[in-house]
Amino acid sequence: MSRTCPRCGVPLRPEELHRENVDRCPECQGMFFDAGELDHISRLTAILNRIELGEPEIECPIRERPVISCPVDGAAMEVRQAAGVEVDHCPSCGGYWLDGGELAELYLVEQHIRANLSLYLRLGSG
């Protein structure tokens, strides 16, 4: 069964990205990651999310994000926060849909976490 983009409705194209096979939309550049394909980023963001830094002083407006269907099994995807980046997660198959640009955002967050992890740990324990 071919996978289609949940945003554009066009067929996704298989692509290798950092030794992982992902499916990319040729129109919007969104990508689908099967369960486990984002683990290296997920581990770092889980560490950051466990550290208690208190409530932010500035509230960010929550934008309305339409519900999309998983390209694998058609289940309604849920919006999840991954270190401040909204991504779509399929509760059924465990896959993730990242809109164009969201992978770059996650990469920047990962680099920031790696560079500042000891600071976050000190702030969280203080």
PDB file of N, CA and C in Angstrom:
ATOM      1  N   MET A   1       0.842  -1.170   0.000  1.00  0.00           N
ATOM      2  CA  MET A   1       0.000   0.000   0.000  1.00  0.00           C
ATOM      3  C   MET A   1       0.895   1.243   0.000  1.00  0.00           C
ATOM      4  N   SER A   2       0.634   2.157  -0.927  1.00  0.00           N
ATOM      5  CA  SER A   2       1.470   3.347  -0.988  1.00  0.00           C
ATOM      6  C   SER A   2       1.000   4.379   0.037  1.00  0.00           C
ATOM      7  N   ARG A   3       1.943   5.106   0.570  1.00  0.00           N
ATOM      8  CA  ARG A   3       1.656   6.118   1.584  1.00  0.00           C
ATOM      9  C   ARG A   3       1.453   7.464   0.899  1.00  0.00           C
ATOM     10  N   THR A   4       0.473   8.217   1.391  1.00  0.00           N
ATOM     11  CA  THR A   4       0.224   9.539   0.830  1.00  0.00           C
ATOM     12  C   THR A   4       0.387  10.601   1.911  1.00  0.00           C
ATOM     13  N   CYS A   5       0.714  11.805   1.471  1.00  0.00           N
ATOM     14  CA  CYS A   5       0.913  12.925   2.379  1.00  0.00           C
ATOM     15  C   CYS A   5      -0.411  13.300   3.039  1.00  0.00           C
ATOM     16  N   PRO A   6      -0.436  13.384   4.381  1.00  0.00           N
ATOM     17  CA  PRO A   6      -1.681  13.741   5.054  1.00  0.00           C
ATOM     18  C   PRO A   6      -2.049  15.218   4.871  1.00  0.00           C
ATOM     19  N   ARG A   7      -1.145  16.025   4.385  1.00  0.00           N
ATOM     20  CA  ARG A   7      -1.412  17.444   4.134  1.00  0.00           C
ATOM     21  C   ARG A   7      -1.795  17.694   2.679  1.00  0.00           C
ATOM     22  N   CYS A   8      -1.046  17.111   1.733  1.00  0.00           N
ATOM     23  CA  CYS A   8      -1.229  17.399   0.301  1.00  0.00           C
ATOM     24  C   CYS A   8      -1.997  16.317  -0.458  1.00  0.00           C
ATOM     25  N   GLY A   9      -1.980  15.087   0.073  1.00  0.00           N
ATOM     26  CA  GLY A   9      -2.662  13.982  -0.599  1.00  0.00           C
ATOM     27  C   GLY A   9      -1.870  13.366  -1.744  1.00  0.00           C
ATOM     28  N   VAL A  10      -0.599  13.750  -1.920  1.00  0.00           N
ATOM     29  CA  VAL A  10       0.212  13.177  -2.992  1.00  0.00           C
ATOM     30  C   VAL A  10       1.019  11.995  -2.446  1.00  0.00           C
ATOM     31  N   PRO A  11       1.426  11.065  -3.322  1.00  0.00           N
ATOM     32  CA  PRO A  11       2.215   9.921  -2.852  1.00  0.00           C
ATOM     33  C   PRO A  11       3.545  10.368  -2.241  1.00  0.00           C
ATOM     34  N   LEU A  12       3.897   9.735  -1.129  1.00  0.00           N
ATOM     35  CA  LEU A  12       5.176   9.997  -0.479  1.00  0.00           C
ATOM     36  C   LEU A  12       6.263   9.225  -1.202  1.00  0.00           C
ATOM     37  N   ARG A  13       7.472   9.786  -1.190  1.00  0.00           N
ATOM     38  CA  ARG A  13       8.606   9.127  -1.837  1.00  0.00           C
ATOM     39  C   ARG A  13       9.580   8.645  -0.773  1.00  0.00           C
ATOM     40  N   PRO A  14      10.037   7.382  -0.884  1.00  0.00           N
ATOM     41  CA  PRO A  14      11.036   6.892   0.062  1.00  0.00           C
ATOM     42  C   PRO A  14      12.351   7.643  -0.115  1.00  0.00           C
ATOM     43  N   GLU A  15      13.023   7.885   1.004  1.00  0.00           N
ATOM     44  CA  GLU A  15      14.284   8.625   0.977  1.00  0.00           C
ATOM     45  C   GLU A  15      15.135   8.183   2.156  1.00  0.00           C
ATOM     46  N   GLU A  16      16.434   8.125   1.954  1.00  0.00           N
ATOM     47  CA  GLU A  16      17.332   7.797   3.066  1.00  0.00           C
ATOM     48  C   GLU A  16      17.786   9.094   3.725  1.00  0.00           C
ATOM     49  N   LEU A  17      17.666   9.135   5.049  1.00  0.00           N
ATOM     50  CA  LEU A  17      18.040  10.320   5.813  1.00  0.00           C
ATOM     51  C   LEU A  17      18.793   9.859   7.047  1.00  0.00           C
ATOM     52  N   HIS A  18      20.078  10.152   7.110  1.00  0.00           N
ATOM     53  CA  HIS A  18      20.915   9.746   8.251  1.00  0.00           C
ATOM     54  C   HIS A  18      20.754   8.261   8.570  1.00  0.00           C
ATOM     55  N   ARG A  19      20.899   7.440   7.563  1.00  0.00           N
ATOM     56  CA  ARG A  19      20.812   5.975   7.671  1.00  0.00           C
ATOM     57  C   ARG A  19      19.431   5.449   8.036  1.00  0.00           C
ATOM     58  N   GLU A  20      18.402   6.278   7.941  1.00  0.00           N
ATOM     59  CA  GLU A  20      17.023   5.846   8.181  1.00  0.00           C
ATOM     60  C   GLU A  20      16.243   6.004   6.881  1.00  0.00           C
ATOM     61  N   ASN A  21      15.347   5.069   6.618  1.00  0.00           N
ATOM     62  CA  ASN A  21      14.467   5.196   5.466  1.00  0.00           C
ATOM     63  C   ASN A  21      13.205   5.911   5.909  1.00  0.00           C
ATOM     64  N   VAL A  22      12.961   7.076   5.335  1.00  0.00           N
ATOM     65  CA  VAL A  22      11.779   7.868   5.673  1.00  0.00           C
ATOM     66  C   VAL A  22      10.972   8.091   4.403  1.00  0.00           C
ATOM     67  N   ASP A  23       9.759   8.598   4.564  1.00  0.00           N
ATOM     68  CA  ASP A  23       8.897   8.918   3.429  1.00  0.00           C
ATOM     69  C   ASP A  23       8.712  10.425   3.394  1.00  0.00           C
ATOM     70  N   ARG A  24       9.045  11.046   2.241  1.00  0.00           N
ATOM     71  CA  ARG A  24       8.979  12.507   2.117  1.00  0.00           C
ATOM     72  C   ARG A  24       7.943  12.911   1.065  1.00  0.00           C
ATOM     73  N   CYS A  25       7.238  14.005   1.359  1.00  0.00           N
ATOM     74  CA  CYS A  25       6.287  14.568   0.412  1.00  0.00           C
ATOM     75  C   CYS A  25       7.043  15.472  -0.558  1.00  0.00           C
ATOM     76  N   PRO A  26       6.914  15.256  -1.862  1.00  0.00           N
ATOM     77  CA  PRO A  26       7.614  16.105  -2.820  1.00  0.00           C
ATOM     78  C   PRO A  26       7.020  17.515  -2.911  1.00  0.00           C
ATOM     79  N   GLU A  27       5.810  17.706  -2.403  1.00  0.00           N
ATOM     80  CA  GLU A  27       5.157  19.016  -2.464  1.00  0.00           C
ATOM     81  C   GLU A  27       5.507  19.890  -1.266  1.00  0.00           C
ATOM     82  N   CYS A  28       5.169  19.444  -0.053  1.00  0.00           N
ATOM     83  CA  CYS A  28       5.331  20.277   1.152  1.00  0.00           C
ATOM     84  C   CYS A  28       6.611  19.961   1.921  1.00  0.00           C
ATOM     85  N   GLN A  29       7.343  18.933   1.498  1.00  0.00           N
ATOM     86  CA  GLN A  29       8.587  18.491   2.144  1.00  0.00           C
ATOM     87  C   GLN A  29       8.368  17.900   3.531  1.00  0.00           C
ATOM     88  N   GLY A  30       7.121  17.594   3.894  1.00  0.00           N
ATOM     89  CA  GLY A  30       6.846  16.891   5.142  1.00  0.00           C
ATOM     90  C   GLY A  30       7.417  15.488   5.076  1.00  0.00           C
ATOM     91  N   MET A  31       7.648  14.874   6.255  1.00  0.00           N
ATOM     92  CA  MET A  31       8.237  13.537   6.296  1.00  0.00           C
ATOM     93  C   MET A  31       7.515  12.668   7.312  1.00  0.00           C
ATOM     94  N   PHE A  32       7.408  11.376   6.993  1.00  0.00           N
ATOM     95  CA  PHE A  32       6.853  10.407   7.935  1.00  0.00           C
ATOM     96  C   PHE A  32       7.974   9.517   8.419  1.00  0.00           C
ATOM     97  N   PHE A  33       8.064   9.390   9.756  1.00  0.00           N
ATOM     98  CA  PHE A  33       9.055   8.527  10.390  1.00  0.00           C
ATOM     99  C   PHE A  33       8.312   7.388  11.070  1.00  0.00           C
ATOM    100  N   ASP A  34       8.652   6.158  10.705  1.00  0.00           N
ATOM    101  CA  ASP A  34       8.062   5.007  11.386  1.00  0.00           C
ATOM    102  C   ASP A  34       8.542   4.983  12.830  1.00  0.00           C
ATOM    103  N   ALA A  35       7.852   4.216  13.663  1.00  0.00           N
ATOM    104  CA  ALA A  35       8.211   4.114  15.083  1.00  0.00           C
ATOM    105  C   ALA A  35       9.688   3.778  15.224  1.00  0.00           C
ATOM    106  N   GLY A  36      10.380   4.509  16.085  1.00  0.00           N
ATOM    107  CA  GLY A  36      11.785   4.255  16.365  1.00  0.00           C
ATOM    108  C   GLY A  36      12.758   5.052  15.527  1.00  0.00           C
ATOM    109  N   GLU A  37      12.305   5.666  14.438  1.00  0.00           N
ATOM    110  CA  GLU A  37      13.223   6.372  13.552  1.00  0.00           C
ATOM    111  C   GLU A  37      13.652   7.740  14.086  1.00  0.00           C
ATOM    112  N   LEU A  38      12.989   8.240  15.116  1.00  0.00           N
ATOM    113  CA  LEU A  38      13.376   9.514  15.719  1.00  0.00           C
ATOM    114  C   LEU A  38      13.938   9.318  17.121  1.00  0.00           C
ATOM    115  N   ASP A  39      14.371   8.113  17.454  1.00  0.00           N
ATOM    116  CA  ASP A  39      14.789   7.798  18.819  1.00  0.00           C
ATOM    117  C   ASP A  39      15.928   8.659  19.342  1.00  0.00           C
ATOM    118  N   HIS A  40      16.943   8.958  18.509  1.00  0.00           N
ATOM    119  CA  HIS A  40      18.072   9.722  19.032  1.00  0.00           C
ATOM    120  C   HIS A  40      17.636  11.119  19.461  1.00  0.00           C
ATOM    121  N   ILE A  41      16.694  11.720  18.767  1.00  0.00           N
ATOM    122  CA  ILE A  41      16.170  13.031  19.179  1.00  0.00           C
ATOM    123  C   ILE A  41      15.242  12.851  20.367  1.00  0.00           C
ATOM    124  N   SER A  42      14.422  11.814  20.352  1.00  0.00           N
ATOM    125  CA  SER A  42      13.455  11.590  21.428  1.00  0.00           C
ATOM    126  C   SER A  42      14.133  11.400  22.771  1.00  0.00           C
ATOM    127  N   ARG A  43      15.260  10.697  22.803  1.00  0.00           N
ATOM    128  CA  ARG A  43      15.964  10.490  24.076  1.00  0.00           C
ATOM    129  C   ARG A  43      16.427  11.811  24.669  1.00  0.00           C
ATOM    130  N   LEU A  44      16.973  12.686  23.845  1.00  0.00           N
ATOM    131  CA  LEU A  44      17.447  13.974  24.349  1.00  0.00           C
ATOM    132  C   LEU A  44      16.296  14.862  24.800  1.00  0.00           C
ATOM    133  N   THR A  45      15.205  14.888  24.042  1.00  0.00           N
ATOM    134  CA  THR A  45      14.085  15.736  24.441  1.00  0.00           C
ATOM    135  C   THR A  45      13.407  15.183  25.684  1.00  0.00           C
ATOM    136  N   ALA A  46      13.422  13.871  25.873  1.00  0.00           N
ATOM    137  CA  ALA A  46      12.848  13.290  27.099  1.00  0.00           C
ATOM    138  C   ALA A  46      13.641  13.733  28.309  1.00  0.00           C
ATOM    139  N   ILE A  47      14.965  13.799  28.173  1.00  0.00           N
ATOM    140  CA  ILE A  47      15.799  14.279  29.282  1.00  0.00           C
ATOM    141  C   ILE A  47      15.446  15.721  29.600  1.00  0.00           C
ATOM    142  N   LEU A  48      15.349  16.555  28.575  1.00  0.00           N
ATOM    143  CA  LEU A  48      15.029  17.961  28.782  1.00  0.00           C
ATOM    144  C   LEU A  48      13.648  18.118  29.414  1.00  0.00           C
ATOM    145  N   ASN A  49      12.680  17.345  28.961  1.00  0.00           N
ATOM    146  CA  ASN A  49      11.322  17.468  29.480  1.00  0.00           C
ATOM    147  C   ASN A  49      11.211  17.023  30.936  1.00  0.00           C
ATOM    148  N   ARG A  50      12.121  16.156  31.421  1.00  0.00           N
ATOM    149  CA  ARG A  50      12.088  15.706  32.811  1.00  0.00           C
ATOM    150  C   ARG A  50      12.685  16.731  33.768  1.00  0.00           C
ATOM    151  N   ILE A  51      13.494  17.643  33.225  1.00  0.00           N
ATOM    152  CA  ILE A  51      14.144  18.632  34.073  1.00  0.00           C
ATOM    153  C   ILE A  51      13.145  19.734  34.408  1.00  0.00           C
ATOM    154  N   GLU A  52      12.980  20.002  35.711  1.00  0.00           N
ATOM    155  CA  GLU A  52      12.029  21.020  36.162  1.00  0.00           C
ATOM    156  C   GLU A  52      12.691  22.387  36.078  1.00  0.00           C
ATOM    157  N   LEU A  53      12.211  23.241  35.173  1.00  0.00           N
ATOM    158  CA  LEU A  53      12.745  24.585  35.052  1.00  0.00           C
ATOM    159  C   LEU A  53      11.717  25.632  35.460  1.00  0.00           C
ATOM    160  N   GLY A  54      10.573  25.233  35.951  1.00  0.00           N
ATOM    161  CA  GLY A  54       9.540  26.190  36.334  1.00  0.00           C
ATOM    162  C   GLY A  54       8.694  26.589  35.147  1.00  0.00           C
ATOM    163  N   GLU A  55       7.684  27.411  35.421  1.00  0.00           N
ATOM    164  CA  GLU A  55       6.776  27.863  34.382  1.00  0.00           C
ATOM    165  C   GLU A  55       7.416  28.977  33.562  1.00  0.00           C
ATOM    166  N   PRO A  56       7.197  28.997  32.256  1.00  0.00           N
ATOM    167  CA  PRO A  56       7.737  30.094  31.455  1.00  0.00           C
ATOM    168  C   PRO A  56       7.007  31.391  31.792  1.00  0.00           C
ATOM    169  N   GLU A  57       7.724  32.497  31.719  1.00  0.00           N
ATOM    170  CA  GLU A  57       7.121  33.778  32.040  1.00  0.00           C
ATOM    171  C   GLU A  57       6.233  34.282  30.915  1.00  0.00           C
ATOM    172  N   ILE A  58       6.546  33.915  29.691  1.00  0.00           N
ATOM    173  CA  ILE A  58       5.773  34.369  28.546  1.00  0.00           C
ATOM    174  C   ILE A  58       5.007  33.185  27.993  1.00  0.00           C
ATOM    175  N   GLU A  59       3.702  33.372  27.806  1.00  0.00           N
ATOM    176  CA  GLU A  59       2.900  32.305  27.227  1.00  0.00           C
ATOM    177  C   GLU A  59       2.948  32.402  25.717  1.00  0.00           C
ATOM    178  N   CYS A  60       3.202  31.281  25.081  1.00  0.00           N
ATOM    179  CA  CYS A  60       3.202  31.243  23.628  1.00  0.00           C
ATOM    180  C   CYS A  60       1.787  30.927  23.158  1.00  0.00           C
ATOM    181  N   PRO A  61       1.302  31.635  22.164  1.00  0.00           N
ATOM    182  CA  PRO A  61      -0.041  31.334  21.668  1.00  0.00           C
ATOM    183  C   PRO A  61      -0.065  29.951  21.021  1.00  0.00           C
ATOM    184  N   ILE A  62      -1.111  29.194  21.288  1.00  0.00           N
ATOM    185  CA  ILE A  62      -1.267  27.864  20.691  1.00  0.00           C
ATOM    186  C   ILE A  62      -2.020  28.043  19.383  1.00  0.00           C
ATOM    187  N   ARG A  63      -1.395  27.628  18.301  1.00  0.00           N
ATOM    188  CA  ARG A  63      -2.063  27.761  17.009  1.00  0.00           C
ATOM    189  C   ARG A  63      -2.929  26.531  16.759  1.00  0.00           C
ATOM    190  N   GLU A  64      -3.999  26.761  16.075  1.00  0.00           N
ATOM    191  CA  GLU A  64      -4.909  25.663  15.740  1.00  0.00           C
ATOM    192  C   GLU A  64      -4.248  24.802  14.665  1.00  0.00           C
ATOM    193  N   ARG A  65      -4.171  23.512  14.914  1.00  0.00           N
ATOM    194  CA  ARG A  65      -3.526  22.589  13.992  1.00  0.00           C
ATOM    195  C   ARG A  65      -4.562  21.551  13.587  1.00  0.00           C
ATOM    196  N   PRO A  66      -4.889  21.460  12.306  1.00  0.00           N
ATOM    197  CA  PRO A  66      -5.901  20.488  11.887  1.00  0.00           C
ATOM    198  C   PRO A  66      -5.447  19.052  12.123  1.00  0.00           C
ATOM    199  N   VAL A  67      -6.382  18.201  12.479  1.00  0.00           N
ATOM    200  CA  VAL A  67      -6.087  16.776  12.684  1.00  0.00           C
ATOM    201  C   VAL A  67      -5.839  16.145  11.318  1.00  0.00           C
ATOM    202  N   ILE A  68      -4.769  15.356  11.238  1.00  0.00           N
ATOM    203  CA  ILE A  68      -4.461  14.657   9.994  1.00  0.00           C
ATOM    204  C   ILE A  68      -4.514  13.150  10.225  1.00  0.00           C
ATOM    205  N   SER A  69      -4.621  12.407   9.135  1.00  0.00           N
ATOM    206  CA  SER A  69      -4.651  10.946   9.209  1.00  0.00           C
ATOM    207  C   SER A  69      -3.268  10.384   8.937  1.00  0.00           C
ATOM    208  N   CYS A  70      -2.931   9.326   9.650  1.00  0.00           N
ATOM    209  CA  CYS A  70      -1.639   8.661   9.485  1.00  0.00           C
ATOM    210  C   CYS A  70      -1.522   8.090   8.074  1.00  0.00           C
ATOM    211  N   PRO A  71      -0.390   8.317   7.389  1.00  0.00           N
ATOM    212  CA  PRO A  71      -0.213   7.762   6.053  1.00  0.00           C
ATOM    213  C   PRO A  71      -0.087   6.245   6.034  1.00  0.00           C
ATOM    214  N   VAL A  72       0.154   5.622   7.193  1.00  0.00           N
ATOM    215  CA  VAL A  72       0.311   4.169   7.242  1.00  0.00           C
ATOM    216  C   VAL A  72      -1.016   3.461   7.471  1.00  0.00           C
ATOM    217  N   ASP A  73      -1.750   3.879   8.515  1.00  0.00           N
ATOM    218  CA  ASP A  73      -2.966   3.143   8.867  1.00  0.00           C
ATOM    219  C   ASP A  73      -4.237   3.986   8.918  1.00  0.00           C
ATOM    220  N   GLY A  74      -4.133   5.274   8.609  1.00  0.00           N
ATOM    221  CA  GLY A  74      -5.318   6.130   8.545  1.00  0.00           C
ATOM    222  C   GLY A  74      -5.844   6.614   9.881  1.00  0.00           C
ATOM    223  N   ALA A  75      -5.186   6.256  10.990  1.00  0.00           N
ATOM    224  CA  ALA A  75      -5.633   6.691  12.314  1.00  0.00           C
ATOM    225  C   ALA A  75      -5.445   8.206  12.459  1.00  0.00           C
ATOM    226  N   ALA A  76      -6.295   8.823  13.273  1.00  0.00           N
ATOM    227  CA  ALA A  76      -6.152  10.254  13.548  1.00  0.00           C
ATOM    228  C   ALA A  76      -4.875  10.481  14.343  1.00  0.00           C
ATOM    229  N   MET A  77      -4.046  11.382  13.858  1.00  0.00           N
ATOM    230  CA  MET A  77      -2.776  11.645  14.529  1.00  0.00           C
ATOM    231  C   MET A  77      -2.988  12.689  15.622  1.00  0.00           C
ATOM    232  N   GLU A  78      -2.198  12.567  16.685  1.00  0.00           N
ATOM    233  CA  GLU A  78      -2.280  13.467  17.831  1.00  0.00           C
ATOM    234  C   GLU A  78      -1.093  14.419  17.799  1.00  0.00           C
ATOM    235  N   VAL A  79      -1.319  15.676  18.162  1.00  0.00           N
ATOM    236  CA  VAL A  79      -0.239  16.647  18.228  1.00  0.00           C
ATOM    237  C   VAL A  79       0.511  16.445  19.530  1.00  0.00           C
ATOM    238  N   ARG A  80       1.833  16.354  19.429  1.00  0.00           N
ATOM    239  CA  ARG A  80       2.690  16.203  20.610  1.00  0.00           C
ATOM    240  C   ARG A  80       3.757  17.277  20.581  1.00  0.00           C
ATOM    241  N   GLN A  81       4.206  17.632  21.766  1.00  0.00           N
ATOM    242  CA  GLN A  81       5.310  18.573  21.895  1.00  0.00           C
ATOM    243  C   GLN A  81       6.603  17.787  22.032  1.00  0.00           C
ATOM    244  N   ALA A  82       7.575  18.100  21.221  1.00  0.00           N
ATOM    245  CA  ALA A  82       8.908  17.514  21.341  1.00  0.00           C
ATOM    246  C   ALA A  82       9.859  18.678  21.553  1.00  0.00           C
ATOM    247  N   ALA A  83      10.112  19.001  22.807  1.00  0.00           N
ATOM    248  CA  ALA A  83      10.989  20.116  23.176  1.00  0.00           C
ATOM    249  C   ALA A  83      10.557  21.411  22.510  1.00  0.00           C
ATOM    250  N   GLY A  84       9.270  21.682  22.551  1.00  0.00           N
ATOM    251  CA  GLY A  84       8.744  22.932  22.027  1.00  0.00           C
ATOM    252  C   GLY A  84       8.355  22.898  20.566  1.00  0.00           C
ATOM    253  N   VAL A  85       8.593  21.796  19.869  1.00  0.00           N
ATOM    254  CA  VAL A  85       8.211  21.663  18.468  1.00  0.00           C
ATOM    255  C   VAL A  85       6.981  20.771  18.406  1.00  0.00           C
ATOM    256  N   GLU A  86       5.928  21.258  17.738  1.00  0.00           N
ATOM    257  CA  GLU A  86       4.720  20.450  17.590  1.00  0.00           C
ATOM    258  C   GLU A  86       4.911  19.465  16.450  1.00  0.00           C
ATOM    259  N   VAL A  87       4.702  18.182  16.740  1.00  0.00           N
ATOM    260  CA  VAL A  87       4.779  17.136  15.721  1.00  0.00           C
ATOM    261  C   VAL A  87       3.514  16.287  15.834  1.00  0.00           C
ATOM    262  N   ASP A  88       3.192  15.586  14.763  1.00  0.00           N
ATOM    263  CA  ASP A  88       2.014  14.717  14.749  1.00  0.00           C
ATOM    264  C   ASP A  88       2.445  13.285  14.993  1.00  0.00           C
ATOM    265  N   HIS A  89       1.771  12.611  15.936  1.00  0.00           N
ATOM    266  CA  HIS A  89       2.124  11.251  16.341  1.00  0.00           C
ATOM    267  C   HIS A  89       0.925  10.334  16.137  1.00  0.00           C
ATOM    268  N   CYS A  90       1.164   9.157  15.578  1.00  0.00           N
ATOM    269  CA  CYS A  90       0.100   8.171  15.402  1.00  0.00           C
ATOM    270  C   CYS A  90       0.058   7.261  16.618  1.00  0.00           C
ATOM    271  N   PRO A  91      -1.052   7.275  17.385  1.00  0.00           N
ATOM    272  CA  PRO A  91      -1.136   6.415  18.558  1.00  0.00           C
ATOM    273  C   PRO A  91      -1.249   4.937  18.201  1.00  0.00           C
ATOM    274  N   SER A  92      -1.592   4.643  16.954  1.00  0.00           N
ATOM    275  CA  SER A  92      -1.776   3.264  16.527  1.00  0.00           C
ATOM    276  C   SER A  92      -0.448   2.595  16.130  1.00  0.00           C
ATOM    277  N   CYS A  93       0.283   3.204  15.182  1.00  0.00           N
ATOM    278  CA  CYS A  93       1.517   2.572  14.699  1.00  0.00           C
ATOM    279  C   CYS A  93       2.774   3.164  15.330  1.00  0.00           C
ATOM    280  N   GLY A  94       2.639   4.301  16.025  1.00  0.00           N
ATOM    281  CA  GLY A  94       3.786   4.913  16.685  1.00  0.00           C
ATOM    282  C   GLY A  94       4.636   5.791  15.788  1.00  0.00           C
ATOM    283  N   GLY A  95       4.204   6.020  14.552  1.00  0.00           N
ATOM    284  CA  GLY A  95       4.961   6.851  13.632  1.00  0.00           C
ATOM    285  C   GLY A  95       4.760   8.339  13.890  1.00  0.00           C
ATOM    286  N   TYR A  96       5.624   9.145  13.280  1.00  0.00           N
ATOM    287  CA  TYR A  96       5.569  10.596  13.425  1.00  0.00           C
ATOM    288  C   TYR A  96       5.525  11.256  12.052  1.00  0.00           C
ATOM    289  N   TRP A  97       4.693  12.283  11.922  1.00  0.00           N
ATOM    290  CA  TRP A  97       4.679  13.126  10.734  1.00  0.00           C
ATOM    291  C   TRP A  97       5.285  14.461  11.128  1.00  0.00           C
ATOM    292  N   LEU A  98       6.307  14.889  10.378  1.00  0.00           N
ATOM    293  CA  LEU A  98       6.926  16.190  10.584  1.00  0.00           C
ATOM    294  C   LEU A  98       6.680  17.027   9.348  1.00  0.00           C
ATOM    295  N   ASP A  99       6.052  18.175   9.536  1.00  0.00           N
ATOM    296  CA  ASP A  99       5.845  19.093   8.426  1.00  0.00           C
ATOM    297  C   ASP A  99       7.189  19.639   7.980  1.00  0.00           C
ATOM    298  N   GLY A 100       7.222  20.206   6.769  1.00  0.00           N
ATOM    299  CA  GLY A 100       8.446  20.798   6.255  1.00  0.00           C
ATOM    300  C   GLY A 100       9.024  21.787   7.262  1.00  0.00           C
ATOM    301  N   GLY A 101      10.290  21.662   7.575  1.00  0.00           N
ATOM    302  CA  GLY A 101      10.959  22.555   8.509  1.00  0.00           C
ATOM    303  C   GLY A 101      10.995  22.065   9.945  1.00  0.00           C
ATOM    304  N   GLU A 102      10.103  21.145  10.327  1.00  0.00           N
ATOM    305  CA  GLU A 102      10.075  20.678  11.718  1.00  0.00           C
ATOM    306  C   GLU A 102      11.285  19.813  12.055  1.00  0.00           C
ATOM    307  N   LEU A 103      11.805  19.068  11.094  1.00  0.00           N
ATOM    308  CA  LEU A 103      13.001  18.269  11.358  1.00  0.00           C
ATOM    309  C   LEU A 103      14.184  19.193  11.644  1.00  0.00           C
ATOM    310  N   ALA A 104      14.293  20.275  10.892  1.00  0.00           N
ATOM    311  CA  ALA A 104      15.365  21.245  11.141  1.00  0.00           C
ATOM    312  C   ALA A 104      15.213  21.863  12.527  1.00  0.00           C
ATOM    313  N   GLU A 105      13.968  22.166  12.934  1.00  0.00           N
ATOM    314  CA  GLU A 105      13.733  22.700  14.279  1.00  0.00           C
ATOM    315  C   GLU A 105      14.169  21.704  15.346  1.00  0.00           C
ATOM    316  N   LEU A 106      13.823  20.423  15.170  1.00  0.00           N
ATOM    317  CA  LEU A 106      14.219  19.400  16.135  1.00  0.00           C
ATOM    318  C   LEU A 106      15.737  19.250  16.178  1.00  0.00           C
ATOM    319  N   TYR A 107      16.370  19.354  15.020  1.00  0.00           N
ATOM    320  CA  TYR A 107      17.832  19.254  14.978  1.00  0.00           C
ATOM    321  C   TYR A 107      18.462  20.404  15.765  1.00  0.00           C
ATOM    322  N   LEU A 108      17.935  21.619  15.591  1.00  0.00           N
ATOM    323  CA  LEU A 108      18.465  22.766  16.335  1.00  0.00           C
ATOM    324  C   LEU A 108      18.260  22.593  17.835  1.00  0.00           C
ATOM    325  N   VAL A 109      17.102  22.076  18.228  1.00  0.00           N
ATOM    326  CA  VAL A 109      16.843  21.816  19.645  1.00  0.00           C
ATOM    327  C   VAL A 109      17.820  20.776  20.162  1.00  0.00           C
ATOM    328  N   GLU A 110      18.048  19.706  19.377  1.00  0.00           N
ATOM    329  CA  GLU A 110      18.982  18.657  19.785  1.00  0.00           C
ATOM    330  C   GLU A 110      20.376  19.243  20.008  1.00  0.00           C
ATOM    331  N   GLN A 111      20.826  20.090  19.087  1.00  0.00           N
ATOM    332  CA  GLN A 111      22.146  20.698  19.225  1.00  0.00           C
ATOM    333  C   GLN A 111      22.210  21.600  20.458  1.00  0.00           C
ATOM    334  N   HIS A 112      21.142  22.341  20.709  1.00  0.00           N
ATOM    335  CA  HIS A 112      21.082  23.209  21.883  1.00  0.00           C
ATOM    336  C   HIS A 112      21.133  22.384  23.171  1.00  0.00           C
ATOM    337  N   ILE A 113      20.378  21.286  23.198  1.00  0.00           N
ATOM    338  CA  ILE A 113      20.357  20.423  24.386  1.00  0.00           C
ATOM    339  C   ILE A 113      21.749  19.831  24.622  1.00  0.00           C
ATOM    340  N   ARG A 114      22.372  19.328  23.563  1.00  0.00           N
ATOM    341  CA  ARG A 114      23.720  18.748  23.706  1.00  0.00           C
ATOM    342  C   ARG A 114      24.703  19.780  24.254  1.00  0.00           C
ATOM    343  N   ALA A 115      24.615  20.998  23.758  1.00  0.00           N
ATOM    344  CA  ALA A 115      25.562  22.040  24.159  1.00  0.00           C
ATOM    345  C   ALA A 115      25.307  22.542  25.579  1.00  0.00           C
ATOM    346  N   ASN A 116      24.074  22.433  26.052  1.00  0.00           N
ATOM    347  CA  ASN A 116      23.718  23.045  27.334  1.00  0.00           C
ATOM    348  C   ASN A 116      23.158  22.065  28.363  1.00  0.00           C
ATOM    349  N   LEU A 117      23.324  20.769  28.148  1.00  0.00           N
ATOM    350  CA  LEU A 117      22.716  19.787  29.047  1.00  0.00           C
ATOM    351  C   LEU A 117      23.185  19.949  30.491  1.00  0.00           C
ATOM    352  N   SER A 118      24.469  20.177  30.705  1.00  0.00           N
ATOM    353  CA  SER A 118      24.947  20.323  32.082  1.00  0.00           C
ATOM    354  C   SER A 118      24.317  21.543  32.765  1.00  0.00           C
ATOM    355  N   LEU A 119      24.101  22.618  32.007  1.00  0.00           N
ATOM    356  CA  LEU A 119      23.436  23.806  32.573  1.00  0.00           C
ATOM    357  C   LEU A 119      22.005  23.475  32.958  1.00  0.00           C
ATOM    358  N   TYR A 120      21.267  22.791  32.092  1.00  0.00           N
ATOM    359  CA  TYR A 120      19.885  22.403  32.394  1.00  0.00           C
ATOM    360  C   TYR A 120      19.829  21.513  33.632  1.00  0.00           C
ATOM    361  N   LEU A 121      20.767  20.585  33.737  1.00  0.00           N
ATOM    362  CA  LEU A 121      20.780  19.694  34.896  1.00  0.00           C
ATOM    363  C   LEU A 121      21.031  20.478  36.183  1.00  0.00           C
ATOM    364  N   ARG A 122      21.951  21.446  36.142  1.00  0.00           N
ATOM    365  CA  ARG A 122      22.221  22.280  37.321  1.00  0.00           C
ATOM    366  C   ARG A 122      21.010  23.137  37.682  1.00  0.00           C
ATOM    367  N   LEU A 123      20.365  23.734  36.694  1.00  0.00           N
ATOM    368  CA  LEU A 123      19.187  24.558  36.953  1.00  0.00           C
ATOM    369  C   LEU A 123      18.036  23.718  37.507  1.00  0.00           C
ATOM    370  N   GLY A 124      17.898  22.506  36.980  1.00  0.00           N
ATOM    371  CA  GLY A 124      16.815  21.635  37.420  1.00  0.00           C
ATOM    372  C   GLY A 124      16.990  21.117  38.825  1.00  0.00           C
ATOM    373  N   SER A 125      18.213  20.964  39.271  1.00  0.00           N
ATOM    374  CA  SER A 125      18.434  20.438  40.625  1.00  0.00           C
ATOM    375  C   SER A 125      18.510  21.550  41.677  1.00  0.00           C
ATOM    376  N   GLY A 126      18.557  22.800  41.239  1.00  0.00           N
ATOM    377  CA  GLY A 126      18.712  23.928  42.168  1.00  0.00           C
ATOM    378  C   GLY A 126      17.435  24.328  42.731  1.00  0.00           C
TER     379      GLY A 126
END
